[in-house]
Amino acid sequence: MNKRTFLQNSLALGVAGLAPKLAIGEWLSRYESHSAAALAADEEFWTGIRGGYKLKPEYINLENGYYCILPEETLVKYLDHIREVNVQGSYYMRTVQADNKKKVIARLSTLAGCAPTEMAITRNTTESLDTVINGIHWQAGDEAIMAIQDYGSIVNQLKLMEKRYGIVAKVLSVPNHPSSDEEIVNMYRQAITPKTKLLLVSHMVNITGQILPIKKICDMAHGQNVDVAVDGAHTFGHLNFRIPDLGCDYYAASLHKWLSVPIGTGILYVKEGKAPGLWSLMADWGMGDDITHLAHTGTHPVATDLTILDAIDFYTKLGPERKEARLRYIQSYWTSRVRNVKNIVLNTPADPARSCGIANVGIKNMKPADMAKTLLDKYKIWTVGIDGQGVQGCRITPNVYTTTGEMDVFVKALTEMAGA
């Protein structure tokens, strides 16, 4: 048995990282000359990254889509921030809180490729998109378009506007296996009428991992004077991109997902010039019309805001290109082994350009809840079942610490459960 196979097999069984326990910077320095593509399949490199996380050995965690656990170095800094804010008390809140938040927003804006005046910190994607949806000057008869595969609470927010203001909420269905970008764009185009005011689109569909052609959708919608709000809950810190390049009017993400910030942090991007046209969800002290009037939340856990800086440090040291390449590789590693297996159904496109780290898989004649339960009870693999919205299967969301050895265990479990 060679070293690589030994590492894979050991980690698949839940043994702690076997690579040297080095700080991430020191570990990464050993691989400075390696490209992201070359490192994507290098198990020894990613075993070193895994060593920076504290993981439960009782199960293989393939459900990182809810939120991502913090690497230990970020967690330590988070706890330090909590202690410091606690020691300073209200002195911190009344002296440096505002300046520190501006520093965090500046870093987030640089990462997102936008101006600080277009970026606000929120608590999650839902709050960000609800701020936009509640903030629009709706009139009876106005139309909003969304897909059944969009996140449920956001779809329900538009349905609430339907009840409250008499708007028309049109719900479409995104095909799991589109033939082309044009099929997706045309689906949204055909739903637009002169009364359409907002188009809600998922950058990455949360239940299947499908990536939608956002720039093309935005260009089409703007050609018909329709604003576009993008749900980027699963793409920020997952894919390497700049928000303005997408061409959208509004963009929302949860930083506690793929950027690995503590739970309860999100962002709202509002394109320059759009903020004055939105009502505030909660009245701000200044009652101004820039983006700050959309992000008032009252007293909140500021230590979490500070940890955004530490999470960005970790992410940039690891490298956005490296992370995306690894997540794409690990998804392809397992999906390519089961895509043509009898009784196994993949609900994520085969085209590598249409997905990254997330995929959804089902087994014929097995309910998703039963599938998830069997995976946990029999194989010690933690997933989540999705049964609805045009999808029946388990969402599989590995992370940078996931090994190919663990995915081998998962593939074996799937083939056995499918009777193949």
Protein backbone atom coordinates (compact mmCIF):
# COMPACT_ATOMS: atom_id res chain seq x y z
CA MET A 1 0.00 0.00 0.00
CA ASN A 2 1.50 3.36 -1.02
CA LYS A 3 1.47 6.53 1.10
CA ARG A 4 -1.41 8.14 -0.75
CA THR A 5 -3.65 5.09 -0.46
CA PHE A 6 -2.80 4.81 3.24
CA LEU A 7 -3.78 8.42 3.83
CA GLN A 8 -7.05 8.02 1.95
CA ASN A 9 -8.04 4.84 3.74
CA SER A 10 -7.09 6.15 7.18
CA LEU A 11 -9.01 9.39 6.76
CA ALA A 12 -12.03 7.59 5.39
CA LEU A 13 -12.21 5.75 8.69
CA GLY A 14 -12.19 9.03 10.62
CA VAL A 15 -8.58 9.11 11.79
CA ALA A 16 -7.29 12.63 12.48
CA GLY A 17 -5.16 14.34 9.81
CA LEU A 18 -1.86 12.55 9.41
CA ALA A 19 0.00 15.41 7.77
CA PRO A 20 2.17 17.63 9.99
CA LYS A 21 0.14 20.06 12.11
CA LEU A 22 1.52 23.20 10.52
CA ALA A 23 -0.05 26.65 10.29
CA ILE A 24 -1.81 26.97 6.98
CA GLY A 25 0.64 29.61 5.78
CA GLU A 26 3.61 27.32 6.40
CA TRP A 27 1.86 24.36 4.80
CA LEU A 28 0.87 26.40 1.73
CA SER A 29 4.41 27.74 1.34
CA ARG A 30 5.47 24.21 0.41
CA TYR A 31 3.15 24.31 -2.60
CA GLU A 32 3.64 27.85 -3.91
CA SER A 33 4.77 26.65 -7.33
CA HIS A 34 1.85 24.25 -7.78
CA SER A 35 -1.13 25.30 -9.89
CA ALA A 36 -4.71 25.04 -8.64
CA ALA A 37 -5.41 22.41 -11.29
CA ALA A 38 -2.44 20.30 -10.20
CA LEU A 39 -3.35 20.52 -6.51
CA ALA A 40 -7.02 19.66 -7.02
CA ALA A 41 -6.23 15.93 -7.04
CA ASP A 42 -3.28 16.04 -4.60
CA GLU A 43 -4.56 14.18 -1.53
CA GLU A 44 -1.46 14.89 0.52
CA PHE A 45 -1.93 18.65 0.07
CA TRP A 46 -5.59 18.54 1.11
CA THR A 47 -4.78 16.23 4.02
CA GLY A 48 -2.63 19.07 5.32
CA ILE A 49 -5.56 21.46 4.98
CA ARG A 50 -7.79 18.91 6.75
CA GLY A 51 -5.37 18.95 9.66
CA GLY A 52 -6.46 22.53 10.36
CA TYR A 53 -10.02 21.42 11.19
CA LYS A 54 -11.46 19.60 14.18
CA LEU A 55 -13.85 16.99 12.78
CA LYS A 56 -16.19 14.51 14.42
CA PRO A 57 -14.99 10.96 13.73
CA GLU A 58 -18.45 9.43 14.22
CA TYR A 59 -19.58 10.22 10.67
CA ILE A 60 -18.44 11.50 7.28
CA ASN A 61 -19.87 14.99 6.92
CA LEU A 62 -21.30 15.48 3.43
CA GLU A 63 -23.77 18.17 4.50
CA ASN A 64 -21.69 21.35 4.56
CA GLY A 65 -24.37 23.23 2.63
CA TYR A 66 -26.31 24.34 5.72
CA TYR A 67 -23.20 26.05 7.07
CA CYS A 68 -19.49 25.29 7.01
CA ILE A 69 -17.58 24.61 10.19
CA LEU A 70 -14.74 27.00 10.99
CA PRO A 71 -11.10 25.95 10.62
CA GLU A 72 -9.42 25.96 14.01
CA GLU A 73 -7.36 29.09 13.39
CA THR A 74 -10.50 31.07 12.53
CA LEU A 75 -12.35 29.62 15.52
CA VAL A 76 -9.55 30.66 17.90
CA LYS A 77 -9.65 34.22 16.58
CA TYR A 78 -13.45 34.29 16.84
CA LEU A 79 -13.26 33.34 20.51
CA ASP A 80 -10.60 36.01 21.03
CA HIS A 81 -12.93 38.61 19.51
CA ILE A 82 -15.77 37.51 21.79
CA ARG A 83 -13.53 37.87 24.84
CA GLU A 84 -12.26 41.28 23.76
CA VAL A 85 -15.73 42.70 23.06
CA ASN A 86 -16.88 41.28 26.39
CA VAL A 87 -13.99 42.91 28.26
CA GLN A 88 -14.49 46.30 26.64
CA GLY A 89 -18.25 46.34 27.08
CA SER A 90 -20.11 49.34 25.69
CA TYR A 91 -16.82 51.20 25.25
CA TYR A 92 -16.16 49.06 22.18
CA MET A 93 -19.64 49.64 20.77
CA ARG A 94 -19.50 53.41 21.25
CA THR A 95 -15.94 54.03 20.06
CA VAL A 96 -14.56 51.69 17.39
CA GLN A 97 -17.48 49.49 16.32
CA ALA A 98 -18.47 51.69 13.37
CA ASP A 99 -14.90 52.10 12.10
CA ASN A 100 -14.26 48.37 12.36
CA LYS A 101 -17.41 47.61 10.40
CA LYS A 102 -16.20 49.92 7.63
CA LYS A 103 -12.91 48.02 7.55
CA VAL A 104 -14.77 44.72 7.24
CA ILE A 105 -16.99 46.07 4.47
CA ALA A 106 -13.91 47.34 2.63
CA ARG A 107 -12.35 43.84 2.72
CA LEU A 108 -15.61 42.21 1.64
CA SER A 109 -15.96 44.69 -1.21
CA THR A 110 -12.45 43.94 -2.42
CA LEU A 111 -13.22 40.23 -2.34
CA ALA A 112 -16.50 40.78 -4.19
CA GLY A 113 -14.99 43.21 -6.68
CA CYS A 114 -17.45 46.00 -5.91
CA ALA A 115 -17.37 49.42 -4.26
CA PRO A 116 -17.78 49.64 -0.45
CA THR A 117 -20.81 51.85 -1.09
CA GLU A 118 -22.49 48.84 -2.73
CA MET A 119 -21.93 46.40 0.14
CA ALA A 120 -23.73 45.86 3.45
CA ILE A 121 -23.38 43.24 6.18
CA THR A 122 -26.54 41.35 7.11
CA ARG A 123 -27.29 38.17 9.06
CA ASN A 124 -27.95 35.82 6.14
CA THR A 125 -29.13 35.51 2.54
CA THR A 126 -32.78 35.43 3.55
CA GLU A 127 -32.53 38.76 5.38
CA SER A 128 -30.66 40.31 2.46
CA LEU A 129 -33.15 39.26 -0.20
CA ASP A 130 -36.14 39.98 2.03
CA THR A 131 -34.75 43.50 2.50
CA VAL A 132 -34.84 43.97 -1.26
CA ILE A 133 -38.23 42.33 -1.75
CA ASN A 134 -39.82 44.30 1.10
CA GLY A 135 -38.11 47.45 -0.07
CA ILE A 136 -39.53 47.58 -3.58
CA HIS A 137 -42.38 50.03 -4.21
CA TRP A 138 -44.92 47.39 -5.20
CA GLN A 139 -48.22 48.21 -6.85
CA ALA A 140 -51.17 45.86 -7.35
CA GLY A 141 -50.67 43.96 -10.57
CA ASP A 142 -46.88 44.16 -10.56
CA GLU A 143 -45.22 40.85 -11.39
CA ALA A 144 -42.27 39.01 -9.86
CA ILE A 145 -40.72 35.89 -11.37
CA MET A 146 -38.97 33.09 -9.49
CA ALA A 147 -38.38 29.34 -9.75
CA ILE A 148 -39.76 26.58 -7.55
CA GLN A 149 -36.12 25.53 -7.00
CA ASP A 150 -35.28 28.90 -5.39
CA TYR A 151 -34.87 28.89 -1.63
CA GLY A 152 -38.23 28.38 0.05
CA SER A 153 -38.22 31.34 2.43
CA ILE A 154 -37.45 33.74 -0.43
CA VAL A 155 -40.19 32.28 -2.62
CA ASN A 156 -42.55 32.65 0.35
CA GLN A 157 -41.50 36.28 0.81
CA LEU A 158 -42.64 37.06 -2.72
CA LYS A 159 -45.87 35.18 -2.07
CA LEU A 160 -46.29 37.36 1.02
CA MET A 161 -46.01 40.43 -1.22
CA GLU A 162 -48.70 38.82 -3.34
CA LYS A 163 -51.00 38.74 -0.31
CA ARG A 164 -50.00 42.15 0.98
CA TYR A 165 -49.89 44.24 -2.20
CA GLY A 166 -51.71 42.19 -4.79
CA ILE A 167 -48.66 41.49 -6.95
CA VAL A 168 -48.50 38.43 -9.18
CA ALA A 169 -45.81 35.92 -8.18
CA LYS A 170 -44.96 33.70 -11.15
CA VAL A 171 -43.24 30.43 -10.26
CA LEU A 172 -41.26 28.61 -12.95
CA SER A 173 -39.32 25.34 -12.84
CA VAL A 174 -35.65 25.13 -13.78
CA PRO A 175 -34.80 21.89 -15.64
CA ASN A 176 -32.28 19.74 -13.80
CA HIS A 177 -30.46 18.97 -17.04
CA PRO A 178 -30.73 21.96 -19.40
CA SER A 179 -29.56 21.52 -22.97
CA SER A 180 -28.00 24.99 -23.11
CA ASP A 181 -27.82 28.39 -21.45
CA GLU A 182 -30.37 29.60 -23.94
CA GLU A 183 -32.94 27.12 -22.63
CA ILE A 184 -32.67 28.71 -19.18
CA VAL A 185 -32.60 32.29 -20.47
CA ASN A 186 -35.59 31.72 -22.72
CA MET A 187 -37.56 30.20 -19.86
CA TYR A 188 -37.25 33.44 -17.91
CA ARG A 189 -37.67 35.61 -21.02
CA GLN A 190 -41.00 34.01 -21.91
CA ALA A 191 -42.35 34.72 -18.41
CA ILE A 192 -41.60 38.46 -18.57
CA THR A 193 -44.40 40.90 -19.40
CA PRO A 194 -44.59 44.73 -19.31
CA LYS A 195 -45.76 44.36 -15.69
CA THR A 196 -42.71 42.40 -14.52
CA LYS A 197 -40.77 44.32 -11.87
CA LEU A 198 -38.33 41.78 -10.42
CA LEU A 199 -36.66 38.57 -11.44
CA LEU A 200 -35.32 36.34 -8.64
CA VAL A 201 -32.60 33.91 -9.74
CA SER A 202 -30.33 31.48 -7.91
CA HIS A 203 -26.67 31.71 -8.84
CA MET A 204 -26.34 28.09 -7.69
CA VAL A 205 -29.52 26.12 -7.07
CA ASN A 206 -29.28 25.14 -3.41
CA ILE A 207 -30.84 21.67 -3.76
CA THR A 208 -28.94 20.46 -6.84
CA GLY A 209 -25.82 22.60 -7.16
CA GLN A 210 -26.70 23.67 -10.71
CA ILE A 211 -25.02 26.95 -11.71
CA LEU A 212 -27.26 29.23 -13.77
CA PRO A 213 -26.04 31.60 -16.53
CA ILE A 214 -26.56 34.74 -14.45
CA LYS A 215 -24.88 37.26 -16.77
CA LYS A 216 -26.97 36.14 -19.73
CA ILE A 217 -30.15 36.21 -17.65
CA CYS A 218 -29.37 39.71 -16.35
CA ASP A 219 -28.57 41.06 -19.81
CA MET A 220 -31.85 39.67 -21.12
CA ALA A 221 -33.89 41.04 -18.21
CA HIS A 222 -32.30 44.49 -18.35
CA GLY A 223 -33.16 44.61 -22.04
CA GLN A 224 -36.78 44.49 -20.88
CA ASN A 225 -36.31 46.94 -17.98
CA VAL A 226 -36.56 44.26 -15.30
CA ASP A 227 -34.31 44.25 -12.20
CA VAL A 228 -32.60 41.02 -11.13
CA ALA A 229 -31.99 39.84 -7.55
CA VAL A 230 -29.52 36.95 -7.27
CA ASP A 231 -29.43 34.39 -4.47
CA GLY A 232 -25.73 33.66 -4.07
CA ALA A 233 -25.96 31.76 -0.78
CA HIS A 234 -23.90 28.87 -2.15
CA THR A 235 -21.50 30.66 -4.47
CA PHE A 236 -19.74 33.35 -2.42
CA GLY A 237 -16.56 31.69 -1.13
CA HIS A 238 -17.30 28.65 -3.33
CA LEU A 239 -16.82 29.99 -6.87
CA ASN A 240 -14.16 32.54 -7.81
CA PHE A 241 -15.98 35.52 -9.37
CA ARG A 242 -16.71 39.25 -9.08
CA ILE A 243 -20.28 40.30 -8.35
CA PRO A 244 -20.36 43.26 -10.79
CA ASP A 245 -19.33 40.94 -13.64
CA LEU A 246 -22.67 39.15 -13.21
CA GLY A 247 -24.56 42.30 -14.14
CA CYS A 248 -27.21 41.93 -11.44
CA ASP A 249 -28.92 44.69 -9.46
CA TYR A 250 -28.94 42.90 -6.11
CA TYR A 251 -26.86 40.03 -4.76
CA ALA A 252 -27.18 38.20 -1.45
CA ALA A 253 -25.06 35.56 0.26
CA SER A 254 -24.58 33.84 3.62
CA LEU A 255 -20.99 34.11 4.76
CA HIS A 256 -21.45 31.25 7.26
CA LYS A 257 -21.69 28.92 4.29
CA TRP A 258 -18.68 28.69 1.98
CA LEU A 259 -16.62 31.55 3.41
CA SER A 260 -16.71 29.77 6.81
CA VAL A 261 -17.63 32.77 8.95
CA PRO A 262 -19.47 32.10 12.25
CA ILE A 263 -23.23 31.53 11.95
CA GLY A 264 -25.29 34.66 11.49
CA THR A 265 -23.44 36.64 8.83
CA GLY A 266 -24.46 37.60 5.33
CA ILE A 267 -23.97 40.24 2.68
CA LEU A 268 -26.21 42.38 0.55
CA TYR A 269 -24.88 43.93 -2.66
CA VAL A 270 -26.94 46.74 -4.14
CA LYS A 271 -25.75 48.17 -7.44
CA GLU A 272 -24.77 51.83 -7.23
CA GLY A 273 -27.84 54.04 -7.59
CA LYS A 274 -30.36 51.36 -6.60
CA ALA A 275 -30.37 51.82 -2.80
CA PRO A 276 -32.39 55.08 -2.75
CA GLY A 277 -35.24 53.28 -4.51
CA LEU A 278 -35.73 50.74 -1.71
CA TRP A 279 -37.64 51.15 1.53
CA SER A 280 -35.70 50.16 4.64
CA LEU A 281 -36.66 46.93 6.36
CA MET A 282 -35.90 48.66 9.67
CA ALA A 283 -35.48 52.41 10.04
CA ASP A 284 -31.85 53.52 10.27
CA TRP A 285 -30.61 56.26 12.59
CA GLY A 286 -29.48 58.45 9.71
CA MET A 287 -32.59 57.90 7.59
CA GLY A 288 -30.39 58.41 4.53
CA ASP A 289 -30.71 56.86 1.11
CA ASP A 290 -27.37 55.09 0.67
CA ILE A 291 -26.92 51.36 1.31
CA THR A 292 -26.49 51.84 5.07
CA HIS A 293 -30.20 52.53 5.46
CA LEU A 294 -30.87 48.97 4.30
CA ALA A 295 -28.64 47.27 6.89
CA HIS A 296 -29.80 48.49 10.29
CA THR A 297 -30.19 45.53 12.67
CA GLY A 298 -29.89 47.12 16.11
CA THR A 299 -27.44 45.71 18.64
CA HIS A 300 -25.87 42.58 17.20
CA PRO A 301 -22.92 40.21 17.84
CA VAL A 302 -20.06 42.39 16.58
CA ALA A 303 -17.45 39.72 17.31
CA THR A 304 -18.90 37.83 14.38
CA ASP A 305 -18.36 40.85 12.12
CA LEU A 306 -14.71 40.99 13.17
CA THR A 307 -14.24 37.31 12.36
CA ILE A 308 -15.17 38.02 8.74
CA LEU A 309 -11.66 39.46 8.38
CA ASP A 310 -10.11 36.26 9.72
CA ALA A 311 -12.25 34.10 7.44
CA ILE A 312 -11.20 36.18 4.44
CA ASP A 313 -7.56 35.77 5.49
CA PHE A 314 -7.96 31.98 5.59
CA TYR A 315 -9.82 31.91 2.27
CA THR A 316 -7.28 34.08 0.45
CA LYS A 317 -4.33 32.12 1.86
CA LEU A 318 -5.91 28.87 0.74
CA GLY A 319 -6.66 30.51 -2.60
CA PRO A 320 -10.06 30.95 -4.29
CA GLU A 321 -8.80 29.16 -7.39
CA ARG A 322 -7.50 26.23 -5.34
CA LYS A 323 -10.71 25.92 -3.37
CA GLU A 324 -12.98 26.01 -6.41
CA ALA A 325 -10.79 23.53 -8.27
CA ARG A 326 -10.80 21.11 -5.32
CA LEU A 327 -14.54 21.32 -4.77
CA ARG A 328 -15.15 20.77 -8.48
CA TYR A 329 -12.72 17.84 -8.51
CA ILE A 330 -14.18 16.09 -5.48
CA GLN A 331 -17.72 16.37 -6.88
CA SER A 332 -16.64 15.01 -10.26
CA TYR A 333 -14.67 12.26 -8.48
CA TRP A 334 -17.78 10.68 -7.02
CA THR A 335 -20.47 11.63 -9.57
CA SER A 336 -18.46 10.19 -12.47
CA ARG A 337 -18.46 6.83 -10.66
CA VAL A 338 -22.21 6.59 -10.19
CA ARG A 339 -23.76 8.58 -13.04
CA ASN A 340 -24.35 5.51 -15.18
CA VAL A 341 -25.00 3.01 -12.38
CA LYS A 342 -28.35 1.24 -12.52
CA ASN A 343 -31.04 2.70 -10.22
CA ILE A 344 -28.94 5.76 -9.35
CA VAL A 345 -30.29 9.13 -10.50
CA LEU A 346 -28.14 12.26 -10.54
CA ASN A 347 -30.13 15.47 -10.37
CA THR A 348 -27.13 17.68 -11.21
CA PRO A 349 -25.93 18.41 -14.78
CA ALA A 350 -23.00 16.39 -16.09
CA ASP A 351 -21.46 19.45 -17.77
CA PRO A 352 -18.67 20.55 -15.38
CA ALA A 353 -19.38 24.19 -16.19
CA ARG A 354 -22.88 23.84 -14.72
CA SER A 355 -21.89 22.75 -11.21
CA CYS A 356 -19.03 22.83 -8.72
CA GLY A 357 -18.90 21.22 -5.26
CA ILE A 358 -22.60 20.48 -4.72
CA ALA A 359 -24.58 17.68 -6.34
CA ASN A 360 -27.80 15.79 -5.69
CA VAL A 361 -28.24 12.03 -6.06
CA GLY A 362 -31.25 9.78 -5.70
CA ILE A 363 -32.00 6.07 -5.78
CA LYS A 364 -35.01 4.78 -7.70
CA ASN A 365 -37.88 3.60 -5.52
CA MET A 366 -36.26 4.99 -2.34
CA LYS A 367 -37.59 8.05 -0.58
CA PRO A 368 -34.92 10.72 0.08
CA ALA A 369 -35.59 10.62 3.83
CA ASP A 370 -35.08 6.83 3.87
CA MET A 371 -31.96 7.22 1.77
CA ALA A 372 -30.47 9.78 4.16
CA LYS A 373 -31.35 7.64 7.17
CA THR A 374 -29.75 4.55 5.66
CA LEU A 375 -26.60 6.46 4.77
CA LEU A 376 -26.26 7.63 8.36
CA ASP A 377 -27.38 4.53 10.23
CA LYS A 378 -25.62 1.91 8.12
CA TYR A 379 -22.70 3.77 6.54
CA LYS A 380 -22.11 6.66 8.99
CA ILE A 381 -22.47 9.28 6.27
CA TRP A 382 -24.32 12.51 7.10
CA THR A 383 -26.41 14.05 4.28
CA VAL A 384 -29.78 15.74 3.85
CA GLY A 385 -32.74 14.40 1.89
CA ILE A 386 -34.53 16.66 -0.62
CA ASP A 387 -38.04 15.58 -1.63
CA GLY A 388 -39.81 18.21 -3.69
CA GLN A 389 -39.21 21.18 -5.97
CA GLY A 390 -38.67 18.75 -8.85
CA VAL A 391 -35.91 16.89 -7.01
CA GLN A 392 -35.84 13.58 -5.13
CA GLY A 393 -32.50 12.68 -3.65
CA CYS A 394 -29.82 13.61 -1.13
CA ARG A 395 -27.85 16.82 -1.46
CA ILE A 396 -24.13 16.06 -1.20
CA THR A 397 -21.91 18.95 -0.12
CA PRO A 398 -18.28 18.01 0.59
CA ASN A 399 -15.76 20.59 1.81
CA VAL A 400 -12.03 21.22 1.40
CA TYR A 401 -11.27 18.74 4.17
CA THR A 402 -13.23 15.94 2.47
CA THR A 403 -11.01 13.14 1.13
CA THR A 404 -11.38 10.93 -1.92
CA GLY A 405 -11.22 8.03 0.52
CA GLU A 406 -14.40 9.29 2.17
CA MET A 407 -16.03 9.64 -1.24
CA ASP A 408 -15.04 6.04 -2.02
CA VAL A 409 -17.00 5.01 1.08
CA PHE A 410 -19.96 7.04 -0.18
CA VAL A 411 -19.81 5.59 -3.70
CA LYS A 412 -19.70 2.05 -2.28
CA ALA A 413 -22.72 2.83 -0.10
CA LEU A 414 -24.69 4.20 -3.06
CA THR A 415 -24.00 1.21 -5.28
CA GLU A 416 -24.97 -1.21 -2.52
CA MET A 417 -28.19 0.69 -1.75
CA ALA A 418 -29.05 0.79 -5.46
CA GLY A 419 -28.56 -2.96 -5.74
CA ALA A 420 -25.97 -2.49 -8.46
